[in-house]
Amino acid sequence: MTSCCLMGCFGALLGRVGVVFLWIVGWFARAGVPGVWILIGFLFAPLSLICVGGVNAFFDGHWGLFQKVALLICLLIDLGGDGSPAVHKRRR
């Protein structure tokens, strides 16, 4: 459980760096994540990719309520706004 929390913190802080590191050490292959999903996750949603890999590795691919909520939060973080100037102009 501790390694799961550490990986989550690492992925949240350094999403794409975390994906590259986990790919190099072969964690995604052991978790059963296909290569095409690693590429898509690296480009668009790195934290969500780490979440899916974590569910596959630590929960044997069982998607319960906790896992679905965790993935939803990861997707919101990955696809959420970054506070760009377009958002600030709308507020004025």
PDB file of N, CA and C in Angstrom:
ATOM      1  N   MET A   1       0.831  -1.194   0.000  1.00  0.00           N
ATOM      2  CA  MET A   1       0.000   0.000   0.000  1.00  0.00           C
ATOM      3  C   MET A   1       0.868   1.248   0.000  1.00  0.00           C
ATOM      4  N   THR A   2       2.008   1.205   0.675  1.00  0.00           N
ATOM      5  CA  THR A   2       2.894   2.364   0.713  1.00  0.00           C
ATOM      6  C   THR A   2       3.434   2.674  -0.664  1.00  0.00           C
ATOM      7  N   SER A   3       3.795   1.649  -1.428  1.00  0.00           N
ATOM      8  CA  SER A   3       4.314   1.893  -2.774  1.00  0.00           C
ATOM      9  C   SER A   3       3.243   2.500  -3.668  1.00  0.00           C
ATOM     10  N   CYS A   4       1.992   2.143  -3.449  1.00  0.00           N
ATOM     11  CA  CYS A   4       0.896   2.719  -4.225  1.00  0.00           C
ATOM     12  C   CYS A   4       0.791   4.218  -3.954  1.00  0.00           C
ATOM     13  N   CYS A   5       0.875   4.617  -2.695  1.00  0.00           N
ATOM     14  CA  CYS A   5       0.798   6.038  -2.335  1.00  0.00           C
ATOM     15  C   CYS A   5       2.002   6.798  -2.873  1.00  0.00           C
ATOM     16  N   LEU A   6       3.182   6.203  -2.785  1.00  0.00           N
ATOM     17  CA  LEU A   6       4.378   6.860  -3.299  1.00  0.00           C
ATOM     18  C   LEU A   6       4.299   7.060  -4.806  1.00  0.00           C
ATOM     19  N   MET A   7       3.801   6.045  -5.524  1.00  0.00           N
ATOM     20  CA  MET A   7       3.676   6.170  -6.975  1.00  0.00           C
ATOM     21  C   MET A   7       2.652   7.235  -7.337  1.00  0.00           C
ATOM     22  N   GLY A   8       1.571   7.309  -6.578  1.00  0.00           N
ATOM     23  CA  GLY A   8       0.566   8.334  -6.838  1.00  0.00           C
ATOM     24  C   GLY A   8       1.114   9.729  -6.634  1.00  0.00           C
ATOM     25  N   CYS A   9       1.862   9.923  -5.565  1.00  0.00           N
ATOM     26  CA  CYS A   9       2.474  11.236  -5.302  1.00  0.00           C
ATOM     27  C   CYS A   9       3.510  11.570  -6.371  1.00  0.00           C
ATOM     28  N   PHE A  10       4.317  10.592  -6.741  1.00  0.00           N
ATOM     29  CA  PHE A  10       5.328  10.797  -7.769  1.00  0.00           C
ATOM     30  C   PHE A  10       4.674  11.154  -9.102  1.00  0.00           C
ATOM     31  N   GLY A  11       3.623  10.438  -9.448  1.00  0.00           N
ATOM     32  CA  GLY A  11       2.929  10.704 -10.705  1.00  0.00           C
ATOM     33  C   GLY A  11       2.238  12.046 -10.714  1.00  0.00           C
ATOM     34  N   ALA A  12       1.685  12.448  -9.576  1.00  0.00           N
ATOM     35  CA  ALA A  12       1.001  13.736  -9.514  1.00  0.00           C
ATOM     36  C   ALA A  12       1.985  14.886  -9.664  1.00  0.00           C
ATOM     37  N   LEU A  13       3.160  14.729  -9.113  1.00  0.00           N
ATOM     38  CA  LEU A  13       4.140  15.812  -9.181  1.00  0.00           C
ATOM     39  C   LEU A  13       4.863  15.855 -10.518  1.00  0.00           C
ATOM     40  N   LEU A  14       5.158  14.724 -11.058  1.00  0.00           N
ATOM     41  CA  LEU A  14       5.963  14.645 -12.275  1.00  0.00           C
ATOM     42  C   LEU A  14       5.325  13.665 -13.253  1.00  0.00           C
ATOM     43  N   GLY A  15       4.144  13.968 -13.741  1.00  0.00           N
ATOM     44  CA  GLY A  15       3.359  13.036 -14.551  1.00  0.00           C
ATOM     45  C   GLY A  15       4.108  12.364 -15.673  1.00  0.00           C
ATOM     46  N   ARG A  16       4.596  13.134 -16.612  1.00  0.00           N
ATOM     47  CA  ARG A  16       5.245  12.529 -17.772  1.00  0.00           C
ATOM     48  C   ARG A  16       6.586  11.913 -17.417  1.00  0.00           C
ATOM     49  N   VAL A  17       7.296  12.525 -16.491  1.00  0.00           N
ATOM     50  CA  VAL A  17       8.558  11.944 -16.031  1.00  0.00           C
ATOM     51  C   VAL A  17       8.280  10.610 -15.338  1.00  0.00           C
ATOM     52  N   GLY A  18       7.196  10.565 -14.564  1.00  0.00           N
ATOM     53  CA  GLY A  18       6.809   9.327 -13.904  1.00  0.00           C
ATOM     54  C   GLY A  18       6.457   8.234 -14.898  1.00  0.00           C
ATOM     55  N   VAL A  19       5.755   8.583 -15.971  1.00  0.00           N
ATOM     56  CA  VAL A  19       5.398   7.598 -16.995  1.00  0.00           C
ATOM     57  C   VAL A  19       6.655   7.046 -17.664  1.00  0.00           C
ATOM     58  N   VAL A  20       7.586   7.917 -18.003  1.00  0.00           N
ATOM     59  CA  VAL A  20       8.830   7.453 -18.639  1.00  0.00           C
ATOM     60  C   VAL A  20       9.605   6.542 -17.690  1.00  0.00           C
ATOM     61  N   PHE A  21       9.716   6.945 -16.427  1.00  0.00           N
ATOM     62  CA  PHE A  21      10.433   6.119 -15.444  1.00  0.00           C
ATOM     63  C   PHE A  21       9.777   4.745 -15.293  1.00  0.00           C
ATOM     64  N   LEU A  22       8.454   4.722 -15.146  1.00  0.00           N
ATOM     65  CA  LEU A  22       7.756   3.440 -14.976  1.00  0.00           C
ATOM     66  C   LEU A  22       7.843   2.582 -16.234  1.00  0.00           C
ATOM     67  N   TRP A  23       7.900   3.211 -17.403  1.00  0.00           N
ATOM     68  CA  TRP A  23       8.056   2.466 -18.653  1.00  0.00           C
ATOM     69  C   TRP A  23       9.451   1.864 -18.727  1.00  0.00           C
ATOM     70  N   ILE A  24      10.469   2.634 -18.323  1.00  0.00           N
ATOM     71  CA  ILE A  24      11.855   2.144 -18.378  1.00  0.00           C
ATOM     72  C   ILE A  24      12.046   0.952 -17.448  1.00  0.00           C
ATOM     73  N   VAL A  25      11.486   1.008 -16.250  1.00  0.00           N
ATOM     74  CA  VAL A  25      11.672  -0.105 -15.314  1.00  0.00           C
ATOM     75  C   VAL A  25      10.749  -1.287 -15.624  1.00  0.00           C
ATOM     76  N   GLY A  26       9.855  -1.132 -16.581  1.00  0.00           N
ATOM     77  CA  GLY A  26       9.002  -2.233 -17.011  1.00  0.00           C
ATOM     78  C   GLY A  26       7.756  -2.445 -16.182  1.00  0.00           C
ATOM     79  N   TRP A  27       7.369  -1.433 -15.389  1.00  0.00           N
ATOM     80  CA  TRP A  27       6.208  -1.578 -14.514  1.00  0.00           C
ATOM     81  C   TRP A  27       4.910  -1.694 -15.310  1.00  0.00           C
ATOM     82  N   PHE A  28       4.790  -0.934 -16.386  1.00  0.00           N
ATOM     83  CA  PHE A  28       3.565  -0.998 -17.184  1.00  0.00           C
ATOM     84  C   PHE A  28       3.401  -2.362 -17.848  1.00  0.00           C
ATOM     85  N   ALA A  29       4.490  -2.959 -18.274  1.00  0.00           N
ATOM     86  CA  ALA A  29       4.418  -4.296 -18.879  1.00  0.00           C
ATOM     87  C   ALA A  29       3.950  -5.322 -17.854  1.00  0.00           C
ATOM     88  N   ARG A  30       4.463  -5.230 -16.628  1.00  0.00           N
ATOM     89  CA  ARG A  30       4.028  -6.145 -15.572  1.00  0.00           C
ATOM     90  C   ARG A  30       2.579  -5.891 -15.175  1.00  0.00           C
ATOM     91  N   ALA A  31       2.128  -4.637 -15.299  1.00  0.00           N
ATOM     92  CA  ALA A  31       0.746  -4.300 -14.945  1.00  0.00           C
ATOM     93  C   ALA A  31      -0.213  -4.639 -16.076  1.00  0.00           C
ATOM     94  N   GLY A  32       0.302  -4.976 -17.250  1.00  0.00           N
ATOM     95  CA  GLY A  32      -0.550  -5.377 -18.361  1.00  0.00           C
ATOM     96  C   GLY A  32      -1.142  -4.214 -19.150  1.00  0.00           C
ATOM     97  N   VAL A  33      -0.427  -3.093 -19.198  1.00  0.00           N
ATOM     98  CA  VAL A  33      -0.898  -1.936 -19.963  1.00  0.00           C
ATOM     99  C   VAL A  33      -0.275  -2.005 -21.353  1.00  0.00           C
ATOM    100  N   PRO A  34      -1.096  -2.031 -22.419  1.00  0.00           N
ATOM    101  CA  PRO A  34      -0.554  -2.118 -23.779  1.00  0.00           C
ATOM    102  C   PRO A  34       0.265  -0.877 -24.156  1.00  0.00           C
ATOM    103  N   GLY A  35       1.212  -1.066 -25.050  1.00  0.00           N
ATOM    104  CA  GLY A  35       2.107   0.014 -25.467  1.00  0.00           C
ATOM    105  C   GLY A  35       1.404   1.212 -26.069  1.00  0.00           C
ATOM    106  N   VAL A  36       0.338   0.974 -26.824  1.00  0.00           N
ATOM    107  CA  VAL A  36      -0.369   2.096 -27.442  1.00  0.00           C
ATOM    108  C   VAL A  36      -1.017   2.977 -26.368  1.00  0.00           C
ATOM    109  N   TRP A  37      -1.494   2.377 -25.286  1.00  0.00           N
ATOM    110  CA  TRP A  37      -2.088   3.161 -24.198  1.00  0.00           C
ATOM    111  C   TRP A  37      -1.028   3.942 -23.441  1.00  0.00           C
ATOM    112  N   ILE A  38       0.183   3.400 -23.385  1.00  0.00           N
ATOM    113  CA  ILE A  38       1.275   4.137 -22.743  1.00  0.00           C
ATOM    114  C   ILE A  38       1.579   5.395 -23.550  1.00  0.00           C
ATOM    115  N   LEU A  39       1.623   5.277 -24.863  1.00  0.00           N
ATOM    116  CA  LEU A  39       1.875   6.433 -25.720  1.00  0.00           C
ATOM    117  C   LEU A  39       0.756   7.469 -25.612  1.00  0.00           C
ATOM    118  N   ILE A  40      -0.482   7.016 -25.688  1.00  0.00           N
ATOM    119  CA  ILE A  40      -1.624   7.934 -25.578  1.00  0.00           C
ATOM    120  C   ILE A  40      -1.649   8.586 -24.196  1.00  0.00           C
ATOM    121  N   GLY A  41      -1.420   7.797 -23.164  1.00  0.00           N
ATOM    122  CA  GLY A  41      -1.397   8.336 -21.811  1.00  0.00           C
ATOM    123  C   GLY A  41      -0.269   9.327 -21.602  1.00  0.00           C
ATOM    124  N   PHE A  42       0.884   9.059 -22.171  1.00  0.00           N
ATOM    125  CA  PHE A  42       2.012   9.984 -22.050  1.00  0.00           C
ATOM    126  C   PHE A  42       1.681  11.330 -22.680  1.00  0.00           C
ATOM    127  N   LEU A  43       1.026  11.301 -23.821  1.00  0.00           N
ATOM    128  CA  LEU A  43       0.729  12.545 -24.530  1.00  0.00           C
ATOM    129  C   LEU A  43      -0.423  13.332 -23.918  1.00  0.00           C
ATOM    130  N   PHE A  44      -1.473  12.651 -23.473  1.00  0.00           N
ATOM    131  CA  PHE A  44      -2.699  13.354 -23.098  1.00  0.00           C
ATOM    132  C   PHE A  44      -3.061  13.266 -21.618  1.00  0.00           C
ATOM    133  N   ALA A  45      -2.801  12.149 -20.958  1.00  0.00           N
ATOM    134  CA  ALA A  45      -3.276  11.962 -19.583  1.00  0.00           C
ATOM    135  C   ALA A  45      -2.314  11.081 -18.781  1.00  0.00           C
ATOM    136  N   PRO A  46      -1.158  11.618 -18.398  1.00  0.00           N
ATOM    137  CA  PRO A  46      -0.173  10.781 -17.703  1.00  0.00           C
ATOM    138  C   PRO A  46      -0.635  10.296 -16.331  1.00  0.00           C
ATOM    139  N   LEU A  47      -1.296  11.128 -15.561  1.00  0.00           N
ATOM    140  CA  LEU A  47      -1.730  10.703 -14.232  1.00  0.00           C
ATOM    141  C   LEU A  47      -2.804   9.616 -14.333  1.00  0.00           C
ATOM    142  N   SER A  48      -3.681   9.728 -15.312  1.00  0.00           N
ATOM    143  CA  SER A  48      -4.707   8.707 -15.518  1.00  0.00           C
ATOM    144  C   SER A  48      -4.075   7.376 -15.933  1.00  0.00           C
ATOM    145  N   LEU A  49      -3.031   7.442 -16.735  1.00  0.00           N
ATOM    146  CA  LEU A  49      -2.320   6.228 -17.138  1.00  0.00           C
ATOM    147  C   LEU A  49      -1.704   5.539 -15.927  1.00  0.00           C
ATOM    148  N   ILE A  50      -1.111   6.311 -15.036  1.00  0.00           N
ATOM    149  CA  ILE A  50      -0.536   5.738 -13.826  1.00  0.00           C
ATOM    150  C   ILE A  50      -1.634   5.140 -12.951  1.00  0.00           C
ATOM    151  N   CYS A  51      -2.791   5.786 -12.921  1.00  0.00           N
ATOM    152  CA  CYS A  51      -3.923   5.263 -12.143  1.00  0.00           C
ATOM    153  C   CYS A  51      -4.394   3.924 -12.711  1.00  0.00           C
ATOM    154  N   VAL A  52      -4.529   3.831 -14.015  1.00  0.00           N
ATOM    155  CA  VAL A  52      -4.959   2.571 -14.640  1.00  0.00           C
ATOM    156  C   VAL A  52      -3.930   1.475 -14.383  1.00  0.00           C
ATOM    157  N   GLY A  53      -2.652   1.809 -14.514  1.00  0.00           N
ATOM    158  CA  GLY A  53      -1.608   0.833 -14.217  1.00  0.00           C
ATOM    159  C   GLY A  53      -1.650   0.391 -12.759  1.00  0.00           C
ATOM    160  N   GLY A  54      -1.922   1.335 -11.863  1.00  0.00           N
ATOM    161  CA  GLY A  54      -2.019   0.997 -10.448  1.00  0.00           C
ATOM    162  C   GLY A  54      -3.177   0.069 -10.150  1.00  0.00           C
ATOM    163  N   VAL A  55      -4.317   0.310 -10.794  1.00  0.00           N
ATOM    164  CA  VAL A  55      -5.472  -0.577 -10.604  1.00  0.00           C
ATOM    165  C   VAL A  55      -5.152  -1.968 -11.123  1.00  0.00           C
ATOM    166  N   ASN A  56      -4.508  -2.032 -12.283  1.00  0.00           N
ATOM    167  CA  ASN A  56      -4.145  -3.337 -12.832  1.00  0.00           C
ATOM    168  C   ASN A  56      -3.124  -4.059 -11.953  1.00  0.00           C
ATOM    169  N   ALA A  57      -2.169  -3.317 -11.401  1.00  0.00           N
ATOM    170  CA  ALA A  57      -1.097  -3.945 -10.626  1.00  0.00           C
ATOM    171  C   ALA A  57      -1.522  -4.284  -9.200  1.00  0.00           C
ATOM    172  N   PHE A  58      -2.201  -3.363  -8.530  1.00  0.00           N
ATOM    173  CA  PHE A  58      -2.472  -3.540  -7.106  1.00  0.00           C
ATOM    174  C   PHE A  58      -3.848  -4.128  -6.801  1.00  0.00           C
ATOM    175  N   PHE A  59      -4.796  -3.967  -7.723  1.00  0.00           N
ATOM    176  CA  PHE A  59      -6.149  -4.482  -7.488  1.00  0.00           C
ATOM    177  C   PHE A  59      -6.527  -5.560  -8.501  1.00  0.00           C
ATOM    178  N   ASP A  60      -5.549  -6.092  -9.209  1.00  0.00           N
ATOM    179  CA  ASP A  60      -5.751  -7.153 -10.212  1.00  0.00           C
ATOM    180  C   ASP A  60      -6.793  -6.793 -11.259  1.00  0.00           C
ATOM    181  N   GLY A  61      -6.867  -5.511 -11.620  1.00  0.00           N
ATOM    182  CA  GLY A  61      -7.791  -5.067 -12.651  1.00  0.00           C
ATOM    183  C   GLY A  61      -9.235  -4.967 -12.210  1.00  0.00           C
ATOM    184  N   HIS A  62      -9.506  -5.082 -10.918  1.00  0.00           N
ATOM    185  CA  HIS A  62     -10.883  -4.968 -10.410  1.00  0.00           C
ATOM    186  C   HIS A  62     -11.243  -3.498 -10.268  1.00  0.00           C
ATOM    187  N   TRP A  63     -12.290  -3.060 -10.985  1.00  0.00           N
ATOM    188  CA  TRP A  63     -12.717  -1.662 -10.984  1.00  0.00           C
ATOM    189  C   TRP A  63     -13.926  -1.492 -10.075  1.00  0.00           C
ATOM    190  N   GLY A  64     -13.663  -1.266  -8.806  1.00  0.00           N
ATOM    191  CA  GLY A  64     -14.725  -0.973  -7.848  1.00  0.00           C
ATOM    192  C   GLY A  64     -15.002   0.530  -7.811  1.00  0.00           C
ATOM    193  N   LEU A  65     -15.811   0.946  -6.862  1.00  0.00           N
ATOM    194  CA  LEU A  65     -16.178   2.356  -6.745  1.00  0.00           C
ATOM    195  C   LEU A  65     -14.951   3.223  -6.457  1.00  0.00           C
ATOM    196  N   PHE A  66     -14.088   2.792  -5.537  1.00  0.00           N
ATOM    197  CA  PHE A  66     -12.894   3.564  -5.197  1.00  0.00           C
ATOM    198  C   PHE A  66     -12.003   3.777  -6.422  1.00  0.00           C
ATOM    199  N   GLN A  67     -11.803   2.740  -7.205  1.00  0.00           N
ATOM    200  CA  GLN A  67     -10.943   2.831  -8.374  1.00  0.00           C
ATOM    201  C   GLN A  67     -11.551   3.757  -9.435  1.00  0.00           C
ATOM    202  N   LYS A  68     -12.862   3.686  -9.605  1.00  0.00           N
ATOM    203  CA  LYS A  68     -13.515   4.557 -10.584  1.00  0.00           C
ATOM    204  C   LYS A  68     -13.453   6.025 -10.165  1.00  0.00           C
ATOM    205  N   VAL A  69     -13.637   6.289  -8.879  1.00  0.00           N
ATOM    206  CA  VAL A  69     -13.544   7.665  -8.382  1.00  0.00           C
ATOM    207  C   VAL A  69     -12.114   8.171  -8.535  1.00  0.00           C
ATOM    208  N   ALA A  70     -11.133   7.332  -8.235  1.00  0.00           N
ATOM    209  CA  ALA A  70      -9.732   7.724  -8.388  1.00  0.00           C
ATOM    210  C   ALA A  70      -9.417   8.054  -9.841  1.00  0.00           C
ATOM    211  N   LEU A  71      -9.920   7.242 -10.776  1.00  0.00           N
ATOM    212  CA  LEU A  71      -9.693   7.515 -12.195  1.00  0.00           C
ATOM    213  C   LEU A  71     -10.378   8.805 -12.616  1.00  0.00           C
ATOM    214  N   LEU A  72     -11.581   9.055 -12.128  1.00  0.00           N
ATOM    215  CA  LEU A  72     -12.283  10.294 -12.456  1.00  0.00           C
ATOM    216  C   LEU A  72     -11.497  11.509 -11.963  1.00  0.00           C
ATOM    217  N   ILE A  73     -10.975  11.443 -10.760  1.00  0.00           N
ATOM    218  CA  ILE A  73     -10.173  12.545 -10.232  1.00  0.00           C
ATOM    219  C   ILE A  73      -8.913  12.746 -11.073  1.00  0.00           C
ATOM    220  N   CYS A  74      -8.275  11.645 -11.453  1.00  0.00           N
ATOM    221  CA  CYS A  74      -7.071  11.740 -12.293  1.00  0.00           C
ATOM    222  C   CYS A  74      -7.397  12.350 -13.655  1.00  0.00           C
ATOM    223  N   LEU A  75      -8.510  11.945 -14.242  1.00  0.00           N
ATOM    224  CA  LEU A  75      -8.905  12.525 -15.530  1.00  0.00           C
ATOM    225  C   LEU A  75      -9.196  14.015 -15.408  1.00  0.00           C
ATOM    226  N   LEU A  76      -9.858  14.411 -14.335  1.00  0.00           N
ATOM    227  CA  LEU A  76     -10.134  15.832 -14.130  1.00  0.00           C
ATOM    228  C   LEU A  76      -8.849  16.630 -13.967  1.00  0.00           C
ATOM    229  N   ILE A  77      -7.884  16.072 -13.272  1.00  0.00           N
ATOM    230  CA  ILE A  77      -6.601  16.753 -13.123  1.00  0.00           C
ATOM    231  C   ILE A  77      -5.884  16.828 -14.466  1.00  0.00           C
ATOM    232  N   ASP A  78      -5.866  15.718 -15.213  1.00  0.00           N
ATOM    233  CA  ASP A  78      -5.168  15.687 -16.497  1.00  0.00           C
ATOM    234  C   ASP A  78      -5.807  16.598 -17.537  1.00  0.00           C
ATOM    235  N   LEU A  79      -7.105  16.607 -17.600  1.00  0.00           N
ATOM    236  CA  LEU A  79      -7.796  17.338 -18.656  1.00  0.00           C
ATOM    237  C   LEU A  79      -8.337  18.687 -18.207  1.00  0.00           C
ATOM    238  N   GLY A  80      -8.110  19.035 -16.947  1.00  0.00           N
ATOM    239  CA  GLY A  80      -8.604  20.289 -16.407  1.00  0.00           C
ATOM    240  C   GLY A  80      -7.855  21.482 -16.979  1.00  0.00           C
ATOM    241  N   GLY A  81      -8.418  22.655 -16.746  1.00  0.00           N
ATOM    242  CA  GLY A  81      -7.793  23.879 -17.229  1.00  0.00           C
ATOM    243  C   GLY A  81      -6.491  24.170 -16.512  1.00  0.00           C
ATOM    244  N   ASP A  82      -5.641  24.886 -17.186  1.00  0.00           N
ATOM    245  CA  ASP A  82      -4.339  25.208 -16.618  1.00  0.00           C
ATOM    246  C   ASP A  82      -4.246  26.669 -16.181  1.00  0.00           C
ATOM    247  N   GLY A  83      -5.358  27.385 -16.200  1.00  0.00           N
ATOM    248  CA  GLY A  83      -5.328  28.782 -15.787  1.00  0.00           C
ATOM    249  C   GLY A  83      -4.745  29.684 -16.844  1.00  0.00           C
ATOM    250  N   SER A  84      -4.922  29.316 -18.105  1.00  0.00           N
ATOM    251  CA  SER A  84      -4.362  30.116 -19.192  1.00  0.00           C
ATOM    252  C   SER A  84      -5.060  31.473 -19.269  1.00  0.00           C
ATOM    253  N   PRO A  85      -4.490  32.420 -20.009  1.00  0.00           N
ATOM    254  CA  PRO A  85      -5.077  33.761 -20.088  1.00  0.00           C
ATOM    255  C   PRO A  85      -6.517  33.785 -20.599  1.00  0.00           C
ATOM    256  N   ALA A  86      -6.923  32.812 -21.408  1.00  0.00           N
ATOM    257  CA  ALA A  86      -8.301  32.790 -21.909  1.00  0.00           C
ATOM    258  C   ALA A  86      -9.291  32.676 -20.757  1.00  0.00           C
ATOM    259  N   VAL A  87      -8.938  31.937 -19.750  1.00  0.00           N
ATOM    260  CA  VAL A  87      -9.807  31.792 -18.584  1.00  0.00           C
ATOM    261  C   VAL A  87      -9.868  33.101 -17.819  1.00  0.00           C
ATOM    262  N   HIS A  88      -8.736  33.781 -17.683  1.00  0.00           N
ATOM    263  CA  HIS A  88      -8.697  35.037 -16.937  1.00  0.00           C
ATOM    264  C   HIS A  88      -9.462  36.142 -17.663  1.00  0.00           C
ATOM    265  N   LYS A  89      -9.455  36.138 -18.995  1.00  0.00           N
ATOM    266  CA  LYS A  89     -10.188  37.149 -19.758  1.00  0.00           C
ATOM    267  C   LYS A  89     -11.683  36.983 -19.579  1.00  0.00           C
ATOM    268  N   ARG A  90     -12.158  35.750 -19.466  1.00  0.00           N
ATOM    269  CA  ARG A  90     -13.574  35.494 -19.281  1.00  0.00           C
ATOM    270  C   ARG A  90     -14.069  36.022 -17.946  1.00  0.00           C
ATOM    271  N   ARG A  91     -13.226  36.005 -16.949  1.00  0.00           N
ATOM    272  CA  ARG A  91     -13.611  36.428 -15.612  1.00  0.00           C
ATOM    273  C   ARG A  91     -13.748  37.951 -15.494  1.00  0.00           C
ATOM    274  N   ARG A  92     -13.115  38.695 -16.342  1.00  0.00           N
ATOM    275  CA  ARG A  92     -13.140  40.158 -16.257  1.00  0.00           C
ATOM    276  C   ARG A  92     -14.420  40.737 -16.715  1.00  0.00           C
TER     277      ARG A  92
END
